Amino acid sequence: MAVDKDTVARIARLARIRISDEQQDALAGELSNILGWVEQLGEVETAGVEPMTSVVAMTPALRDDKVTDGGRADDIVKNAPEQAGGFFTVPKVVE
């Protein structure tokens, strides 16, 4: 895919980058090369390739899923301007 100067100018405007006409010519060539490389990636046969999150096979460490209050409710509420019964007190906004 070839990128022209108008496309480079539009990208620069969207990115709020000021570039000269000479820079537009150079960037058009560079962006065209980059998009060519991306198109080459589309030609790679990936059928049957398992997705991976790491280059080394490993099982992530898991913890038990327990519901708790975090054990710090008193510390959190003590920073509130107003509180009642361990909860934040806020002004009524709906009549």
N, C-alpha and C. Protein backbone atom coordinates (compact mmCIF):
# COMPACT_ATOMS: atom_id res chain seq x y z
N MET A 1 0.85 -1.18 0.00
CA MET A 1 0.00 0.00 0.00
C MET A 1 0.89 1.23 0.00
N ALA A 2 0.64 2.12 -0.92
CA ALA A 2 1.45 3.33 -1.03
C ALA A 2 0.76 4.48 -0.28
N VAL A 3 1.55 5.22 0.45
CA VAL A 3 1.04 6.37 1.19
C VAL A 3 1.50 7.62 0.46
N ASP A 4 0.57 8.53 0.18
CA ASP A 4 0.94 9.75 -0.52
C ASP A 4 1.09 10.92 0.46
N LYS A 5 1.51 12.07 -0.08
CA LYS A 5 1.75 13.24 0.77
C LYS A 5 0.48 13.73 1.46
N ASP A 6 -0.65 13.60 0.76
CA ASP A 6 -1.92 14.06 1.36
C ASP A 6 -2.26 13.23 2.60
N THR A 7 -2.02 11.92 2.52
CA THR A 7 -2.28 11.05 3.67
C THR A 7 -1.35 11.38 4.82
N VAL A 8 -0.08 11.63 4.50
CA VAL A 8 0.89 12.01 5.54
C VAL A 8 0.48 13.33 6.18
N ALA A 9 0.03 14.28 5.38
CA ALA A 9 -0.39 15.58 5.91
C ALA A 9 -1.61 15.40 6.82
N ARG A 10 -2.53 14.52 6.44
CA ARG A 10 -3.72 14.28 7.27
C ARG A 10 -3.33 13.62 8.59
N ILE A 11 -2.45 12.63 8.53
CA ILE A 11 -1.99 11.97 9.75
C ILE A 11 -1.30 12.97 10.66
N ALA A 12 -0.47 13.84 10.09
CA ALA A 12 0.25 14.84 10.88
C ALA A 12 -0.74 15.82 11.52
N ARG A 13 -1.78 16.18 10.78
CA ARG A 13 -2.78 17.10 11.34
C ARG A 13 -3.53 16.43 12.49
N LEU A 14 -3.91 15.15 12.31
CA LEU A 14 -4.61 14.44 13.37
C LEU A 14 -3.73 14.25 14.60
N ALA A 15 -2.43 14.07 14.39
CA ALA A 15 -1.50 13.90 15.50
C ALA A 15 -1.01 15.24 16.04
N ARG A 16 -1.46 16.32 15.40
CA ARG A 16 -1.06 17.68 15.79
C ARG A 16 0.46 17.84 15.75
N ILE A 17 1.03 17.36 14.64
CA ILE A 17 2.47 17.45 14.41
C ILE A 17 2.69 18.32 13.19
N ARG A 18 3.56 19.30 13.31
CA ARG A 18 3.88 20.17 12.18
C ARG A 18 5.07 19.57 11.45
N ILE A 19 4.89 19.28 10.15
CA ILE A 19 5.99 18.75 9.35
C ILE A 19 6.07 19.54 8.05
N SER A 20 7.29 19.65 7.53
CA SER A 20 7.51 20.41 6.28
C SER A 20 7.21 19.52 5.08
N ASP A 21 7.20 20.13 3.88
CA ASP A 21 6.93 19.37 2.66
C ASP A 21 8.02 18.33 2.41
N GLU A 22 9.27 18.66 2.74
CA GLU A 22 10.35 17.70 2.55
C GLU A 22 10.17 16.49 3.48
N GLN A 23 9.75 16.76 4.70
CA GLN A 23 9.51 15.68 5.65
C GLN A 23 8.33 14.82 5.20
N GLN A 24 7.33 15.43 4.56
CA GLN A 24 6.18 14.67 4.08
C GLN A 24 6.60 13.64 3.05
N ASP A 25 7.51 14.03 2.14
CA ASP A 25 7.99 13.08 1.13
C ASP A 25 8.71 11.91 1.80
N ALA A 26 9.59 12.21 2.75
CA ALA A 26 10.35 11.16 3.43
C ALA A 26 9.43 10.25 4.24
N LEU A 27 8.48 10.84 4.95
CA LEU A 27 7.57 10.05 5.77
C LEU A 27 6.64 9.19 4.91
N ALA A 28 6.26 9.69 3.75
CA ALA A 28 5.40 8.90 2.86
C ALA A 28 6.12 7.62 2.45
N GLY A 29 7.41 7.72 2.13
CA GLY A 29 8.18 6.54 1.77
C GLY A 29 8.33 5.58 2.94
N GLU A 30 8.63 6.12 4.11
CA GLU A 30 8.81 5.27 5.29
C GLU A 30 7.52 4.55 5.68
N LEU A 31 6.41 5.28 5.66
CA LEU A 31 5.13 4.66 6.00
C LEU A 31 4.73 3.60 4.98
N SER A 32 5.03 3.83 3.71
CA SER A 32 4.74 2.84 2.68
C SER A 32 5.54 1.56 2.94
N ASN A 33 6.82 1.71 3.32
CA ASN A 33 7.65 0.54 3.63
C ASN A 33 7.10 -0.22 4.84
N ILE A 34 6.70 0.50 5.87
CA ILE A 34 6.17 -0.14 7.07
C ILE A 34 4.89 -0.91 6.73
N LEU A 35 4.00 -0.30 5.97
CA LEU A 35 2.76 -0.98 5.60
C LEU A 35 3.05 -2.19 4.70
N GLY A 36 4.10 -2.12 3.89
CA GLY A 36 4.51 -3.28 3.09
C GLY A 36 4.93 -4.44 3.97
N TRP A 37 5.66 -4.14 5.03
CA TRP A 37 6.07 -5.20 5.97
C TRP A 37 4.86 -5.81 6.67
N VAL A 38 3.90 -4.98 7.02
CA VAL A 38 2.69 -5.49 7.66
C VAL A 38 1.93 -6.41 6.71
N GLU A 39 1.87 -6.04 5.42
CA GLU A 39 1.21 -6.89 4.44
C GLU A 39 1.94 -8.23 4.30
N GLN A 40 3.26 -8.23 4.43
CA GLN A 40 4.02 -9.48 4.38
C GLN A 40 3.63 -10.40 5.53
N LEU A 41 3.33 -9.83 6.69
CA LEU A 41 2.91 -10.65 7.82
C LEU A 41 1.62 -11.39 7.53
N GLY A 42 0.75 -10.79 6.73
CA GLY A 42 -0.50 -11.44 6.37
C GLY A 42 -0.29 -12.67 5.50
N GLU A 43 0.88 -12.81 4.87
CA GLU A 43 1.16 -13.95 4.01
C GLU A 43 1.66 -15.15 4.78
N VAL A 44 1.99 -14.98 6.06
CA VAL A 44 2.53 -16.06 6.87
C VAL A 44 1.41 -17.03 7.23
N GLU A 45 1.68 -18.32 7.06
CA GLU A 45 0.71 -19.36 7.39
C GLU A 45 0.69 -19.58 8.90
N THR A 46 -0.43 -19.28 9.54
CA THR A 46 -0.52 -19.41 10.98
C THR A 46 -1.58 -20.42 11.42
N ALA A 47 -2.11 -21.18 10.48
CA ALA A 47 -3.13 -22.19 10.84
C ALA A 47 -2.48 -23.24 11.72
N GLY A 48 -3.12 -23.56 12.81
CA GLY A 48 -2.61 -24.58 13.71
C GLY A 48 -1.60 -24.07 14.72
N VAL A 49 -1.27 -22.80 14.69
CA VAL A 49 -0.33 -22.24 15.66
C VAL A 49 -1.12 -21.78 16.88
N GLU A 50 -0.77 -22.32 18.03
CA GLU A 50 -1.47 -21.98 19.27
C GLU A 50 -1.05 -20.59 19.74
N PRO A 51 -2.00 -19.79 20.22
CA PRO A 51 -1.63 -18.50 20.80
C PRO A 51 -0.79 -18.73 22.05
N MET A 52 0.13 -17.81 22.31
CA MET A 52 0.97 -17.97 23.49
C MET A 52 1.13 -16.65 24.21
N THR A 53 1.31 -16.74 25.52
CA THR A 53 1.53 -15.55 26.32
C THR A 53 2.97 -15.44 26.77
N SER A 54 3.74 -16.49 26.56
CA SER A 54 5.13 -16.51 26.97
C SER A 54 5.90 -17.45 26.05
N VAL A 55 7.19 -17.23 25.89
CA VAL A 55 7.98 -18.13 25.06
C VAL A 55 8.29 -19.43 25.77
N VAL A 56 8.08 -19.45 27.08
CA VAL A 56 8.30 -20.65 27.88
C VAL A 56 6.95 -21.14 28.39
N ALA A 57 6.68 -22.42 28.22
CA ALA A 57 5.41 -22.97 28.70
C ALA A 57 5.38 -22.92 30.22
N MET A 58 4.39 -22.28 30.77
CA MET A 58 4.27 -22.18 32.22
C MET A 58 2.81 -22.05 32.60
N THR A 59 2.51 -22.44 33.81
CA THR A 59 1.17 -22.28 34.36
C THR A 59 1.22 -21.12 35.34
N PRO A 60 0.35 -20.12 35.16
CA PRO A 60 0.39 -18.97 36.06
C PRO A 60 0.00 -19.36 37.48
N ALA A 61 0.62 -18.71 38.43
CA ALA A 61 0.28 -18.96 39.84
C ALA A 61 -1.10 -18.38 40.12
N LEU A 62 -1.97 -19.18 40.65
CA LEU A 62 -3.33 -18.74 40.95
C LEU A 62 -3.56 -18.71 42.44
N ARG A 63 -4.44 -17.84 42.87
CA ARG A 63 -4.80 -17.78 44.28
C ARG A 63 -6.28 -18.11 44.39
N ASP A 64 -6.69 -18.51 45.59
CA ASP A 64 -8.10 -18.78 45.82
C ASP A 64 -8.88 -17.47 45.72
N ASP A 65 -10.04 -17.55 45.12
CA ASP A 65 -10.89 -16.39 44.94
C ASP A 65 -11.79 -16.26 46.15
N LYS A 66 -11.45 -15.35 47.06
CA LYS A 66 -12.22 -15.15 48.28
C LYS A 66 -12.75 -13.72 48.32
N VAL A 67 -14.01 -13.59 48.72
CA VAL A 67 -14.62 -12.28 48.86
C VAL A 67 -14.32 -11.76 50.26
N THR A 68 -13.65 -10.61 50.34
CA THR A 68 -13.34 -10.00 51.64
C THR A 68 -13.60 -8.50 51.53
N ASP A 69 -13.57 -7.85 52.66
CA ASP A 69 -13.70 -6.39 52.65
C ASP A 69 -12.34 -5.72 52.51
N GLY A 70 -11.30 -6.49 52.36
CA GLY A 70 -9.97 -5.95 52.20
C GLY A 70 -9.26 -5.75 53.52
N GLY A 71 -10.00 -5.84 54.62
CA GLY A 71 -9.39 -5.69 55.93
C GLY A 71 -8.93 -4.28 56.26
N ARG A 72 -9.35 -3.31 55.47
CA ARG A 72 -8.89 -1.94 55.71
C ARG A 72 -10.05 -0.94 55.70
N ALA A 73 -11.25 -1.43 55.92
CA ALA A 73 -12.43 -0.55 55.86
C ALA A 73 -12.31 0.61 56.84
N ASP A 74 -11.85 0.35 58.06
CA ASP A 74 -11.73 1.42 59.06
C ASP A 74 -10.71 2.47 58.63
N ASP A 75 -9.60 2.04 58.04
CA ASP A 75 -8.59 2.98 57.57
C ASP A 75 -9.12 3.86 56.45
N ILE A 76 -9.94 3.28 55.59
CA ILE A 76 -10.47 4.03 54.45
C ILE A 76 -11.52 5.03 54.92
N VAL A 77 -12.43 4.60 55.77
CA VAL A 77 -13.53 5.47 56.20
C VAL A 77 -13.03 6.60 57.10
N LYS A 78 -11.93 6.40 57.80
CA LYS A 78 -11.46 7.47 58.69
C LYS A 78 -10.99 8.70 57.91
N ASN A 79 -10.75 8.57 56.59
CA ASN A 79 -10.37 9.71 55.76
C ASN A 79 -11.58 10.47 55.23
N ALA A 80 -12.78 9.96 55.47
CA ALA A 80 -13.99 10.61 54.95
C ALA A 80 -14.30 11.85 55.76
N PRO A 81 -14.79 12.91 55.08
CA PRO A 81 -15.19 14.11 55.83
C PRO A 81 -16.33 13.81 56.81
N GLU A 82 -17.27 12.94 56.37
CA GLU A 82 -18.36 12.53 57.25
C GLU A 82 -18.57 11.03 57.07
N GLN A 83 -18.88 10.34 58.17
CA GLN A 83 -19.15 8.91 58.10
C GLN A 83 -20.12 8.53 59.19
N ALA A 84 -20.83 7.44 58.90
CA ALA A 84 -21.79 6.94 59.88
C ALA A 84 -21.86 5.43 59.76
N GLY A 85 -21.64 4.74 60.86
CA GLY A 85 -21.75 3.29 60.88
C GLY A 85 -20.75 2.58 59.99
N GLY A 86 -19.59 3.17 59.77
CA GLY A 86 -18.58 2.55 58.93
C GLY A 86 -18.78 2.80 57.45
N PHE A 87 -19.66 3.74 57.09
CA PHE A 87 -19.93 4.06 55.69
C PHE A 87 -19.69 5.55 55.45
N PHE A 88 -19.41 5.91 54.20
CA PHE A 88 -19.30 7.31 53.82
C PHE A 88 -20.68 7.96 53.87
N THR A 89 -20.76 9.17 54.36
CA THR A 89 -22.00 9.93 54.37
C THR A 89 -21.88 11.02 53.30
N VAL A 90 -22.86 11.05 52.39
CA VAL A 90 -22.84 12.04 51.30
C VAL A 90 -24.14 12.82 51.31
N PRO A 91 -24.12 14.03 50.78
CA PRO A 91 -25.36 14.82 50.75
C PRO A 91 -26.38 14.19 49.81
N LYS A 92 -27.65 14.37 50.15
CA LYS A 92 -28.73 13.87 49.33
C LYS A 92 -28.80 14.70 48.06
N VAL A 93 -28.84 14.04 46.90
CA VAL A 93 -28.88 14.77 45.63
C VAL A 93 -30.18 14.56 44.88
N VAL A 94 -30.98 13.60 45.30
CA VAL A 94 -32.27 13.34 44.64
C VAL A 94 -33.38 13.67 45.62
N GLU A 95 -34.30 14.46 45.18
CA GLU A 95 -35.42 14.84 46.03
C GLU A 95 -36.52 13.83 45.93
